[in-house]
Amino acid sequence: MAAEQMADAGAGPPARPLDAIDRDILRMLRTDGRASIRSVAERVHVSRANAYARINRLIDDGVIRGFSARVDHERAGQGASAYITLKIVQNSWRTVRERLQELPGAAHIALVSGDFDVLLLVHTADNRALRELVLTKIQSIPEVLSTRTLLVFEETDLDSAASPQTSQPPQSPQPPQEL
């Protein structure tokens, strides 16, 4: 893939270094995005005003892209998950990404290096729905040269100590409520 194709993914202001308190706040919010400002402040040993200002700065700087729920896809009726690797026509990343984002059950899309170009995580109701997604939707994209499907037998979300689950893409950022 060409360097200019990857450039749009990292556009924005340069990254600001994070200190130990910022990293502790991020670790807390990854585990519990609903944590109150008061509980964040207490656990990282800063004032509530300082915690609120730091969280807002992390949001404004784009470090925190949003807050979301971690979903147990099986309990939500999406019992089949798979990583799908795609080889695509050179210089078609933006077009392919737009088409993949429209797919039902698409959870994560990455442009990668190696033996394939794109890694796609999907969740579907069952293997039949997965088969339809791959054979009729993904393989019908003209820029997709080939696919390989890797079924997920079990997964564990490393951002928490909870049971096997996967995070959803973040929604619009809203700081935790002050209590």
N, C-alpha and C. Protein backbone atom coordinates (compact mmCIF):
# COMPACT_ATOMS: atom_id res chain seq x y z
N MET A 1 0.84 -1.18 0.00
CA MET A 1 0.00 0.00 0.00
C MET A 1 0.88 1.24 0.00
N ALA A 2 0.45 2.29 -0.67
CA ALA A 2 1.23 3.52 -0.77
C ALA A 2 1.19 4.29 0.53
N ALA A 3 2.27 5.04 0.80
CA ALA A 3 2.37 5.81 2.04
C ALA A 3 1.25 6.84 2.16
N GLU A 4 0.85 7.46 1.04
CA GLU A 4 -0.19 8.47 1.10
C GLU A 4 -1.54 7.86 1.49
N GLN A 5 -1.74 6.58 1.24
CA GLN A 5 -2.98 5.94 1.64
C GLN A 5 -3.07 5.81 3.16
N MET A 6 -1.92 5.61 3.79
CA MET A 6 -1.92 5.45 5.24
C MET A 6 -1.91 6.80 5.95
N ALA A 7 -1.57 7.86 5.26
CA ALA A 7 -1.43 9.16 5.88
C ALA A 7 -2.74 9.67 6.45
N ASP A 8 -3.88 9.38 5.81
CA ASP A 8 -5.14 9.92 6.30
C ASP A 8 -5.53 9.33 7.64
N ALA A 9 -5.04 8.16 8.00
CA ALA A 9 -5.38 7.53 9.27
C ALA A 9 -4.76 8.27 10.45
N GLY A 10 -3.60 8.90 10.27
CA GLY A 10 -2.92 9.54 11.38
C GLY A 10 -2.97 11.05 11.33
N ALA A 11 -3.86 11.62 10.53
CA ALA A 11 -3.96 13.07 10.41
C ALA A 11 -4.38 13.69 11.73
N GLY A 12 -3.90 14.90 11.99
CA GLY A 12 -4.27 15.61 13.20
C GLY A 12 -3.05 16.19 13.86
N PRO A 13 -3.26 16.84 15.01
CA PRO A 13 -2.14 17.45 15.72
C PRO A 13 -1.18 16.39 16.24
N PRO A 14 0.07 16.80 16.46
CA PRO A 14 1.04 15.82 16.99
C PRO A 14 0.63 15.36 18.39
N ALA A 15 1.03 14.14 18.70
CA ALA A 15 0.68 13.57 20.00
C ALA A 15 1.38 14.32 21.12
N ARG A 16 0.65 14.53 22.20
CA ARG A 16 1.20 15.15 23.39
C ARG A 16 1.61 14.04 24.34
N PRO A 17 2.79 14.15 24.96
CA PRO A 17 3.21 13.08 25.88
C PRO A 17 2.23 12.95 27.07
N LEU A 18 1.97 11.73 27.46
CA LEU A 18 1.10 11.48 28.61
C LEU A 18 1.95 11.20 29.83
N ASP A 19 1.53 11.75 30.97
CA ASP A 19 2.26 11.46 32.20
C ASP A 19 1.60 10.27 32.90
N ALA A 20 2.13 9.89 34.04
CA ALA A 20 1.65 8.70 34.76
C ALA A 20 0.19 8.86 35.17
N ILE A 21 -0.23 10.07 35.55
CA ILE A 21 -1.63 10.29 35.95
C ILE A 21 -2.55 10.11 34.75
N ASP A 22 -2.18 10.67 33.59
CA ASP A 22 -2.98 10.48 32.38
C ASP A 22 -3.12 8.99 32.06
N ARG A 23 -2.03 8.26 32.14
CA ARG A 23 -2.08 6.82 31.83
C ARG A 23 -2.96 6.08 32.84
N ASP A 24 -2.91 6.47 34.11
CA ASP A 24 -3.78 5.86 35.12
C ASP A 24 -5.25 6.16 34.83
N ILE A 25 -5.54 7.40 34.43
CA ILE A 25 -6.92 7.77 34.08
C ILE A 25 -7.40 6.94 32.90
N LEU A 26 -6.57 6.81 31.87
CA LEU A 26 -6.95 6.01 30.70
C LEU A 26 -7.20 4.55 31.08
N ARG A 27 -6.34 4.00 31.93
CA ARG A 27 -6.51 2.61 32.36
C ARG A 27 -7.84 2.45 33.10
N MET A 28 -8.17 3.40 33.97
CA MET A 28 -9.43 3.35 34.71
C MET A 28 -10.63 3.42 33.77
N LEU A 29 -10.58 4.37 32.83
CA LEU A 29 -11.73 4.57 31.94
C LEU A 29 -11.89 3.42 30.95
N ARG A 30 -10.79 2.75 30.58
CA ARG A 30 -10.91 1.56 29.72
C ARG A 30 -11.63 0.45 30.47
N THR A 31 -11.39 0.35 31.77
CA THR A 31 -12.03 -0.67 32.58
C THR A 31 -13.47 -0.30 32.91
N ASP A 32 -13.70 0.98 33.22
CA ASP A 32 -15.04 1.45 33.57
C ASP A 32 -15.26 2.84 33.00
N GLY A 33 -15.80 2.91 31.81
CA GLY A 33 -16.06 4.18 31.15
C GLY A 33 -17.13 4.99 31.83
N ARG A 34 -17.84 4.39 32.77
CA ARG A 34 -18.89 5.10 33.50
C ARG A 34 -18.41 5.63 34.85
N ALA A 35 -17.12 5.51 35.12
CA ALA A 35 -16.59 5.98 36.40
C ALA A 35 -16.85 7.47 36.56
N SER A 36 -17.23 7.89 37.75
CA SER A 36 -17.50 9.30 38.01
C SER A 36 -16.18 10.07 38.12
N ILE A 37 -16.26 11.36 37.90
CA ILE A 37 -15.09 12.22 38.06
C ILE A 37 -14.53 12.07 39.47
N ARG A 38 -15.40 12.01 40.45
CA ARG A 38 -14.96 11.88 41.85
C ARG A 38 -14.16 10.60 42.05
N SER A 39 -14.66 9.47 41.52
CA SER A 39 -13.93 8.21 41.72
C SER A 39 -12.61 8.20 40.96
N VAL A 40 -12.59 8.80 39.77
CA VAL A 40 -11.33 8.91 39.02
C VAL A 40 -10.34 9.73 39.83
N ALA A 41 -10.77 10.89 40.31
CA ALA A 41 -9.89 11.78 41.08
C ALA A 41 -9.34 11.07 42.31
N GLU A 42 -10.19 10.36 43.03
CA GLU A 42 -9.75 9.67 44.24
C GLU A 42 -8.72 8.59 43.92
N ARG A 43 -8.96 7.83 42.87
CA ARG A 43 -8.07 6.71 42.55
C ARG A 43 -6.73 7.14 41.99
N VAL A 44 -6.66 8.32 41.34
CA VAL A 44 -5.38 8.78 40.81
C VAL A 44 -4.78 9.89 41.67
N HIS A 45 -5.45 10.20 42.78
CA HIS A 45 -4.94 11.14 43.79
C HIS A 45 -4.73 12.56 43.25
N VAL A 46 -5.80 13.08 42.59
CA VAL A 46 -5.81 14.48 42.16
C VAL A 46 -7.17 15.06 42.53
N SER A 47 -7.29 16.39 42.44
CA SER A 47 -8.58 17.02 42.73
C SER A 47 -9.59 16.67 41.64
N ARG A 48 -10.88 16.85 41.95
CA ARG A 48 -11.91 16.60 40.94
C ARG A 48 -11.74 17.55 39.76
N ALA A 49 -11.41 18.80 40.04
CA ALA A 49 -11.21 19.78 38.95
C ALA A 49 -10.06 19.35 38.04
N ASN A 50 -8.98 18.85 38.64
CA ASN A 50 -7.83 18.38 37.87
C ASN A 50 -8.21 17.17 37.02
N ALA A 51 -8.93 16.22 37.62
CA ALA A 51 -9.36 15.03 36.88
C ALA A 51 -10.27 15.41 35.73
N TYR A 52 -11.21 16.32 35.98
CA TYR A 52 -12.13 16.77 34.94
C TYR A 52 -11.37 17.45 33.80
N ALA A 53 -10.42 18.32 34.15
CA ALA A 53 -9.63 19.02 33.13
C ALA A 53 -8.78 18.04 32.33
N ARG A 54 -8.18 17.06 32.99
CA ARG A 54 -7.35 16.08 32.28
C ARG A 54 -8.19 15.23 31.33
N ILE A 55 -9.35 14.78 31.77
CA ILE A 55 -10.21 13.97 30.90
C ILE A 55 -10.66 14.80 29.70
N ASN A 56 -11.05 16.04 29.93
CA ASN A 56 -11.45 16.89 28.81
C ASN A 56 -10.29 17.15 27.86
N ARG A 57 -9.08 17.33 28.38
CA ARG A 57 -7.92 17.52 27.52
C ARG A 57 -7.64 16.27 26.69
N LEU A 58 -7.78 15.09 27.32
CA LEU A 58 -7.59 13.84 26.60
C LEU A 58 -8.62 13.68 25.49
N ILE A 59 -9.84 14.14 25.73
CA ILE A 59 -10.88 14.11 24.70
C ILE A 59 -10.54 15.11 23.60
N ASP A 60 -10.22 16.36 24.00
CA ASP A 60 -9.91 17.41 23.02
C ASP A 60 -8.71 17.05 22.16
N ASP A 61 -7.72 16.38 22.75
CA ASP A 61 -6.51 15.98 22.01
C ASP A 61 -6.74 14.75 21.15
N GLY A 62 -7.92 14.14 21.27
CA GLY A 62 -8.21 12.95 20.47
C GLY A 62 -7.64 11.66 21.04
N VAL A 63 -7.09 11.72 22.25
CA VAL A 63 -6.57 10.50 22.89
C VAL A 63 -7.76 9.61 23.26
N ILE A 64 -8.77 10.20 23.88
CA ILE A 64 -10.03 9.49 24.15
C ILE A 64 -10.95 9.80 23.00
N ARG A 65 -11.31 8.75 22.25
CA ARG A 65 -12.17 8.93 21.08
C ARG A 65 -13.63 8.74 21.40
N GLY A 66 -13.94 8.24 22.57
CA GLY A 66 -15.33 8.05 22.95
C GLY A 66 -15.44 7.06 24.09
N PHE A 67 -16.67 6.85 24.53
CA PHE A 67 -16.96 5.90 25.59
C PHE A 67 -18.00 4.94 25.02
N SER A 68 -17.84 3.65 25.34
CA SER A 68 -18.76 2.67 24.78
C SER A 68 -18.95 1.50 25.73
N ALA A 69 -19.91 0.67 25.39
CA ALA A 69 -20.17 -0.54 26.18
C ALA A 69 -19.42 -1.71 25.55
N ARG A 70 -18.91 -2.61 26.37
CA ARG A 70 -18.34 -3.86 25.87
C ARG A 70 -19.50 -4.85 25.76
N VAL A 71 -19.64 -5.44 24.60
CA VAL A 71 -20.80 -6.28 24.31
C VAL A 71 -20.39 -7.74 24.26
N ASP A 72 -21.18 -8.59 24.88
CA ASP A 72 -21.03 -10.04 24.73
C ASP A 72 -21.83 -10.39 23.48
N HIS A 73 -21.15 -10.57 22.36
CA HIS A 73 -21.83 -10.74 21.08
C HIS A 73 -22.69 -11.98 21.03
N GLU A 74 -22.27 -13.04 21.68
CA GLU A 74 -23.07 -14.27 21.68
C GLU A 74 -24.41 -14.03 22.36
N ARG A 75 -24.39 -13.36 23.50
CA ARG A 75 -25.65 -13.06 24.22
C ARG A 75 -26.49 -12.04 23.47
N ALA A 76 -25.85 -11.27 22.57
CA ALA A 76 -26.58 -10.28 21.78
C ALA A 76 -27.06 -10.86 20.45
N GLY A 77 -27.00 -12.18 20.29
CA GLY A 77 -27.51 -12.82 19.09
C GLY A 77 -26.53 -12.86 17.93
N GLN A 78 -25.25 -12.61 18.21
CA GLN A 78 -24.22 -12.67 17.18
C GLN A 78 -23.23 -13.76 17.56
N GLY A 79 -23.65 -15.02 17.40
CA GLY A 79 -22.88 -16.16 17.88
C GLY A 79 -21.68 -16.54 17.03
N ALA A 80 -21.54 -15.97 15.84
CA ALA A 80 -20.39 -16.29 14.99
C ALA A 80 -19.53 -15.04 14.82
N SER A 81 -18.25 -15.20 15.08
CA SER A 81 -17.29 -14.11 14.87
C SER A 81 -16.16 -14.64 14.01
N ALA A 82 -15.59 -13.76 13.21
CA ALA A 82 -14.48 -14.17 12.34
C ALA A 82 -13.60 -12.98 12.02
N TYR A 83 -12.33 -13.28 11.84
CA TYR A 83 -11.40 -12.32 11.24
C TYR A 83 -11.33 -12.70 9.77
N ILE A 84 -11.47 -11.72 8.92
CA ILE A 84 -11.40 -11.97 7.49
C ILE A 84 -10.23 -11.17 6.95
N THR A 85 -9.32 -11.85 6.27
CA THR A 85 -8.20 -11.16 5.65
C THR A 85 -8.55 -10.92 4.18
N LEU A 86 -8.15 -9.77 3.67
CA LEU A 86 -8.45 -9.42 2.29
C LEU A 86 -7.19 -8.96 1.58
N LYS A 87 -7.04 -9.40 0.36
CA LYS A 87 -6.06 -8.83 -0.55
C LYS A 87 -6.86 -7.92 -1.46
N ILE A 88 -6.36 -6.69 -1.63
CA ILE A 88 -7.12 -5.72 -2.42
C ILE A 88 -6.25 -5.13 -3.53
N VAL A 89 -6.90 -4.52 -4.50
CA VAL A 89 -6.22 -3.84 -5.58
C VAL A 89 -5.40 -2.69 -4.98
N GLN A 90 -4.18 -2.55 -5.45
CA GLN A 90 -3.32 -1.48 -4.93
C GLN A 90 -4.01 -0.12 -5.13
N ASN A 91 -3.83 0.75 -4.15
CA ASN A 91 -4.40 2.10 -4.14
C ASN A 91 -5.92 2.13 -4.04
N SER A 92 -6.54 1.07 -3.53
CA SER A 92 -7.99 1.06 -3.40
C SER A 92 -8.46 1.07 -1.94
N TRP A 93 -7.53 1.32 -0.99
CA TRP A 93 -7.85 1.23 0.44
C TRP A 93 -9.05 2.08 0.82
N ARG A 94 -9.10 3.34 0.42
CA ARG A 94 -10.19 4.22 0.84
C ARG A 94 -11.54 3.70 0.34
N THR A 95 -11.59 3.27 -0.90
CA THR A 95 -12.83 2.75 -1.48
C THR A 95 -13.27 1.48 -0.76
N VAL A 96 -12.34 0.57 -0.54
CA VAL A 96 -12.67 -0.69 0.14
C VAL A 96 -13.10 -0.41 1.58
N ARG A 97 -12.40 0.47 2.26
CA ARG A 97 -12.76 0.79 3.65
C ARG A 97 -14.19 1.31 3.73
N GLU A 98 -14.57 2.20 2.82
CA GLU A 98 -15.94 2.73 2.82
C GLU A 98 -16.97 1.61 2.66
N ARG A 99 -16.70 0.68 1.76
CA ARG A 99 -17.63 -0.43 1.52
C ARG A 99 -17.69 -1.37 2.74
N LEU A 100 -16.54 -1.64 3.35
CA LEU A 100 -16.51 -2.54 4.51
C LEU A 100 -17.23 -1.92 5.71
N GLN A 101 -17.14 -0.61 5.87
CA GLN A 101 -17.80 0.06 6.98
C GLN A 101 -19.31 -0.09 6.91
N GLU A 102 -19.84 -0.29 5.73
CA GLU A 102 -21.29 -0.44 5.55
C GLU A 102 -21.79 -1.84 5.85
N LEU A 103 -20.89 -2.80 6.02
CA LEU A 103 -21.29 -4.19 6.22
C LEU A 103 -21.96 -4.39 7.58
N PRO A 104 -23.04 -5.15 7.64
CA PRO A 104 -23.63 -5.47 8.94
C PRO A 104 -22.68 -6.35 9.73
N GLY A 105 -22.46 -6.01 10.98
CA GLY A 105 -21.60 -6.82 11.83
C GLY A 105 -20.13 -6.50 11.78
N ALA A 106 -19.71 -5.56 10.91
CA ALA A 106 -18.30 -5.17 10.87
C ALA A 106 -17.96 -4.45 12.16
N ALA A 107 -16.92 -4.92 12.86
CA ALA A 107 -16.56 -4.36 14.15
C ALA A 107 -15.22 -3.63 14.13
N HIS A 108 -14.30 -4.07 13.27
CA HIS A 108 -12.97 -3.47 13.24
C HIS A 108 -12.36 -3.70 11.86
N ILE A 109 -11.75 -2.64 11.32
CA ILE A 109 -11.10 -2.72 10.02
C ILE A 109 -9.71 -2.14 10.16
N ALA A 110 -8.71 -2.85 9.65
CA ALA A 110 -7.33 -2.37 9.73
C ALA A 110 -6.60 -2.60 8.42
N LEU A 111 -5.87 -1.59 7.98
CA LEU A 111 -4.94 -1.72 6.86
C LEU A 111 -3.64 -2.22 7.46
N VAL A 112 -3.13 -3.34 6.98
CA VAL A 112 -1.97 -3.97 7.60
C VAL A 112 -0.91 -4.30 6.56
N SER A 113 0.26 -4.68 7.04
CA SER A 113 1.32 -5.13 6.14
C SER A 113 1.41 -6.65 6.24
N GLY A 114 2.07 -7.25 5.28
CA GLY A 114 2.25 -8.70 5.32
C GLY A 114 1.66 -9.38 4.12
N ASP A 115 1.17 -10.60 4.32
CA ASP A 115 0.66 -11.42 3.23
C ASP A 115 -0.71 -10.98 2.72
N PHE A 116 -1.39 -10.12 3.46
CA PHE A 116 -2.69 -9.59 3.03
C PHE A 116 -2.70 -8.10 3.37
N ASP A 117 -3.72 -7.39 2.89
CA ASP A 117 -3.77 -5.93 3.01
C ASP A 117 -4.70 -5.43 4.11
N VAL A 118 -5.81 -6.14 4.32
CA VAL A 118 -6.84 -5.67 5.24
C VAL A 118 -7.21 -6.80 6.19
N LEU A 119 -7.42 -6.43 7.45
CA LEU A 119 -7.92 -7.36 8.46
C LEU A 119 -9.26 -6.81 8.93
N LEU A 120 -10.29 -7.63 8.84
CA LEU A 120 -11.65 -7.24 9.18
C LEU A 120 -12.20 -8.18 10.23
N LEU A 121 -12.75 -7.63 11.32
CA LEU A 121 -13.42 -8.42 12.34
C LEU A 121 -14.92 -8.25 12.16
N VAL A 122 -15.64 -9.36 12.07
CA VAL A 122 -17.10 -9.31 11.92
C VAL A 122 -17.77 -10.19 12.95
N HIS A 123 -19.02 -9.83 13.28
CA HIS A 123 -19.87 -10.63 14.16
C HIS A 123 -21.18 -10.84 13.42
N THR A 124 -21.62 -12.09 13.32
CA THR A 124 -22.88 -12.41 12.64
C THR A 124 -23.70 -13.36 13.51
N ALA A 125 -24.95 -13.54 13.13
CA ALA A 125 -25.85 -14.38 13.92
C ALA A 125 -25.37 -15.83 13.96
N ASP A 126 -24.89 -16.33 12.82
CA ASP A 126 -24.46 -17.73 12.76
C ASP A 126 -23.54 -17.91 11.56
N ASN A 127 -23.08 -19.14 11.35
CA ASN A 127 -22.16 -19.41 10.24
C ASN A 127 -22.80 -19.19 8.87
N ARG A 128 -24.09 -19.43 8.77
CA ARG A 128 -24.79 -19.20 7.50
C ARG A 128 -24.74 -17.71 7.14
N ALA A 129 -25.00 -16.86 8.12
CA ALA A 129 -24.96 -15.41 7.88
C ALA A 129 -23.52 -14.97 7.58
N LEU A 130 -22.55 -15.58 8.23
CA LEU A 130 -21.15 -15.29 7.96
C LEU A 130 -20.80 -15.66 6.52
N ARG A 131 -21.23 -16.84 6.10
CA ARG A 131 -20.98 -17.30 4.73
C ARG A 131 -21.58 -16.31 3.73
N GLU A 132 -22.81 -15.89 3.95
CA GLU A 132 -23.46 -14.92 3.06
C GLU A 132 -22.68 -13.60 3.01
N LEU A 133 -22.24 -13.14 4.18
CA LEU A 133 -21.49 -11.89 4.25
C LEU A 133 -20.21 -11.97 3.41
N VAL A 134 -19.49 -13.06 3.57
CA VAL A 134 -18.22 -13.22 2.84
C VAL A 134 -18.47 -13.42 1.34
N LEU A 135 -19.32 -14.38 1.00
CA LEU A 135 -19.49 -14.76 -0.41
C LEU A 135 -20.28 -13.76 -1.24
N THR A 136 -21.28 -13.10 -0.64
CA THR A 136 -22.11 -12.21 -1.46
C THR A 136 -21.79 -10.74 -1.28
N LYS A 137 -21.32 -10.36 -0.11
CA LYS A 137 -21.07 -8.93 0.10
C LYS A 137 -19.59 -8.56 -0.07
N ILE A 138 -18.72 -9.24 0.63
CA ILE A 138 -17.30 -8.88 0.58
C ILE A 138 -16.68 -9.25 -0.76
N GLN A 139 -16.92 -10.47 -1.21
CA GLN A 139 -16.29 -10.90 -2.46
C GLN A 139 -16.91 -10.22 -3.69
N SER A 140 -18.02 -9.52 -3.52
CA SER A 140 -18.60 -8.78 -4.64
C SER A 140 -18.01 -7.38 -4.79
N ILE A 141 -17.19 -6.97 -3.83
CA ILE A 141 -16.52 -5.67 -3.94
C ILE A 141 -15.45 -5.81 -5.03
N PRO A 142 -15.53 -5.03 -6.10
CA PRO A 142 -14.62 -5.22 -7.24
C PRO A 142 -13.13 -5.14 -6.88
N GLU A 143 -12.77 -4.33 -5.89
CA GLU A 143 -11.36 -4.15 -5.53
C GLU A 143 -10.82 -5.26 -4.64
N VAL A 144 -11.68 -6.16 -4.17
CA VAL A 144 -11.24 -7.28 -3.33
C VAL A 144 -10.78 -8.41 -4.25
N LEU A 145 -9.50 -8.75 -4.13
CA LEU A 145 -8.92 -9.81 -4.97
C LEU A 145 -9.12 -11.19 -4.37
N SER A 146 -9.00 -11.30 -3.04
CA SER A 146 -9.20 -12.60 -2.38
C SER A 146 -9.48 -12.37 -0.91
N THR A 147 -10.07 -13.39 -0.28
CA THR A 147 -10.37 -13.34 1.16
C THR A 147 -9.96 -14.67 1.79
N ARG A 148 -9.75 -14.62 3.07
CA ARG A 148 -9.54 -15.82 3.88
C ARG A 148 -10.27 -15.57 5.19
N THR A 149 -11.06 -16.54 5.63
CA THR A 149 -11.88 -16.37 6.83
C THR A 149 -11.32 -17.23 7.96
N LEU A 150 -11.10 -16.60 9.10
CA LEU A 150 -10.60 -17.27 10.30
C LEU A 150 -11.69 -17.21 11.36
N LEU A 151 -12.31 -18.35 11.67
CA LEU A 151 -13.36 -18.38 12.68
C LEU A 151 -12.78 -18.13 14.07
N VAL A 152 -13.50 -17.38 14.88
CA VAL A 152 -13.11 -17.13 16.27
C VAL A 152 -13.85 -18.13 17.14
N PHE A 153 -13.11 -18.96 17.85
CA PHE A 153 -13.73 -19.94 18.74
C PHE A 153 -13.99 -19.35 20.13
N GLU A 154 -13.10 -18.48 20.57
CA GLU A 154 -13.24 -17.84 21.88
C GLU A 154 -12.42 -16.57 21.87
N GLU A 155 -12.88 -15.54 22.58
CA GLU A 155 -12.13 -14.30 22.65
C GLU A 155 -12.21 -13.72 24.05
N THR A 156 -11.20 -12.97 24.41
CA THR A 156 -11.14 -12.33 25.71
C THR A 156 -10.76 -10.87 25.53
N ASP A 157 -11.54 -9.99 26.13
CA ASP A 157 -11.27 -8.56 26.10
C ASP A 157 -10.19 -8.26 27.13
N LEU A 158 -9.04 -7.80 26.69
CA LEU A 158 -7.92 -7.55 27.60
C LEU A 158 -8.05 -6.25 28.37
N ASP A 159 -9.00 -5.39 28.02
CA ASP A 159 -9.18 -4.13 28.73
C ASP A 159 -9.90 -4.31 30.06
N SER A 160 -10.42 -5.50 30.32
CA SER A 160 -11.09 -5.73 31.59
C SER A 160 -10.88 -7.18 32.00
N ALA A 161 -11.21 -7.49 33.21
CA ALA A 161 -11.07 -8.86 33.70
C ALA A 161 -12.37 -9.63 33.53
N ALA A 162 -13.25 -9.13 32.66
CA ALA A 162 -14.56 -9.74 32.47
C ALA A 162 -14.48 -11.00 31.61
N SER A 163 -15.62 -11.63 31.43
CA SER A 163 -15.70 -12.84 30.61
C SER A 163 -15.46 -12.51 29.15
N PRO A 164 -15.28 -13.53 28.28
CA PRO A 164 -14.99 -13.28 26.87
C PRO A 164 -15.99 -12.33 26.23
N GLN A 165 -15.46 -11.26 25.63
CA GLN A 165 -16.28 -10.26 24.98
C GLN A 165 -15.39 -9.38 24.12
N THR A 166 -16.02 -8.50 23.36
CA THR A 166 -15.27 -7.62 22.47
C THR A 166 -15.81 -6.22 22.60
N SER A 167 -14.94 -5.23 22.50
CA SER A 167 -15.37 -3.84 22.53
C SER A 167 -15.94 -3.43 21.19
N GLN A 168 -16.92 -2.56 21.23
CA GLN A 168 -17.48 -1.96 20.03
C GLN A 168 -16.72 -0.68 19.73
N PRO A 169 -16.77 -0.20 18.50
CA PRO A 169 -16.14 1.08 18.20
C PRO A 169 -16.74 2.18 19.05
N PRO A 170 -15.94 3.17 19.43
CA PRO A 170 -16.44 4.20 20.32
C PRO A 170 -17.49 5.08 19.67
N GLN A 171 -18.36 5.62 20.50
CA GLN A 171 -19.36 6.58 20.06
C GLN A 171 -18.85 7.97 20.40
N SER A 172 -19.69 8.99 20.22
CA SER A 172 -19.22 10.36 20.45
C SER A 172 -18.77 10.55 21.89
N PRO A 173 -17.62 11.25 22.07
CA PRO A 173 -17.05 11.39 23.40
C PRO A 173 -17.92 12.25 24.31
N GLN A 174 -18.16 11.77 25.48
CA GLN A 174 -18.81 12.52 26.55
C GLN A 174 -18.04 12.19 27.82
N PRO A 175 -17.56 13.21 28.54
CA PRO A 175 -16.81 12.90 29.76
C PRO A 175 -17.72 12.28 30.81
N PRO A 176 -17.15 11.52 31.75
CA PRO A 176 -17.96 10.95 32.83
C PRO A 176 -18.68 12.05 33.58
N GLN A 177 -19.84 11.72 34.15
CA GLN A 177 -20.61 12.68 34.90
C GLN A 177 -19.99 12.92 36.27
N GLU A 178 -20.04 14.16 36.72
CA GLU A 178 -19.51 14.46 38.04
C GLU A 178 -20.57 14.09 39.07
N LEU A 179 -20.17 13.32 40.09
CA LEU A 179 -21.09 12.92 41.15
C LEU A 179 -20.61 13.42 42.47
